Amino acid sequence: MRLGVLISGRGSNLEAVLAADLPGIEPVLVVSNRPAVRALEVAASAGVPIRVLRLGDFGGDASARDAAIGAALEGARIELALLAGYDQLLRPSYFTAFSGRTINIHPSLLPAHGGAGMVGLAVHRSVLAA
């Protein structure tokens, strides 16, 4: 199965996926919304092609950026997209452009600690406050 991974940060989830060396899973593309993150180094060192699609590259139009992400995945013939620390909500334009399946790795128990703003340390604060 051809795997695309969407990332925004350090790449610890990406590292785990690559280290798992799962039979039948072939990571073939990493897409980031940020140009200078460690996850891109992780992908490059594993020989996985990289695409950086920043919101600013699309004049701030998140729908256009998300459509471009979906198109990049389609162009790489991705069958499964993994949101592995990707910190943006995907608009419907992504799902229109990408016909494969998408799975999100969320850093906490849903729905108890999800919703707007639940990224980074906010997730941990929410769990500790519960």
Foldseek 3Di string as FASTA:
>chain_A
DEEEEEAEAAQPQVVVVVVVPDPPYDDAEYEYQDDDHNNVVVCVVVVHHYHHQHCVVVVNPLLVSLLVVLQVCVVSVHQEYEHRHHDDDRDVSNCVSHVHYYYYDAPDDPPQQDDPPRHDCSSVVSVVVD
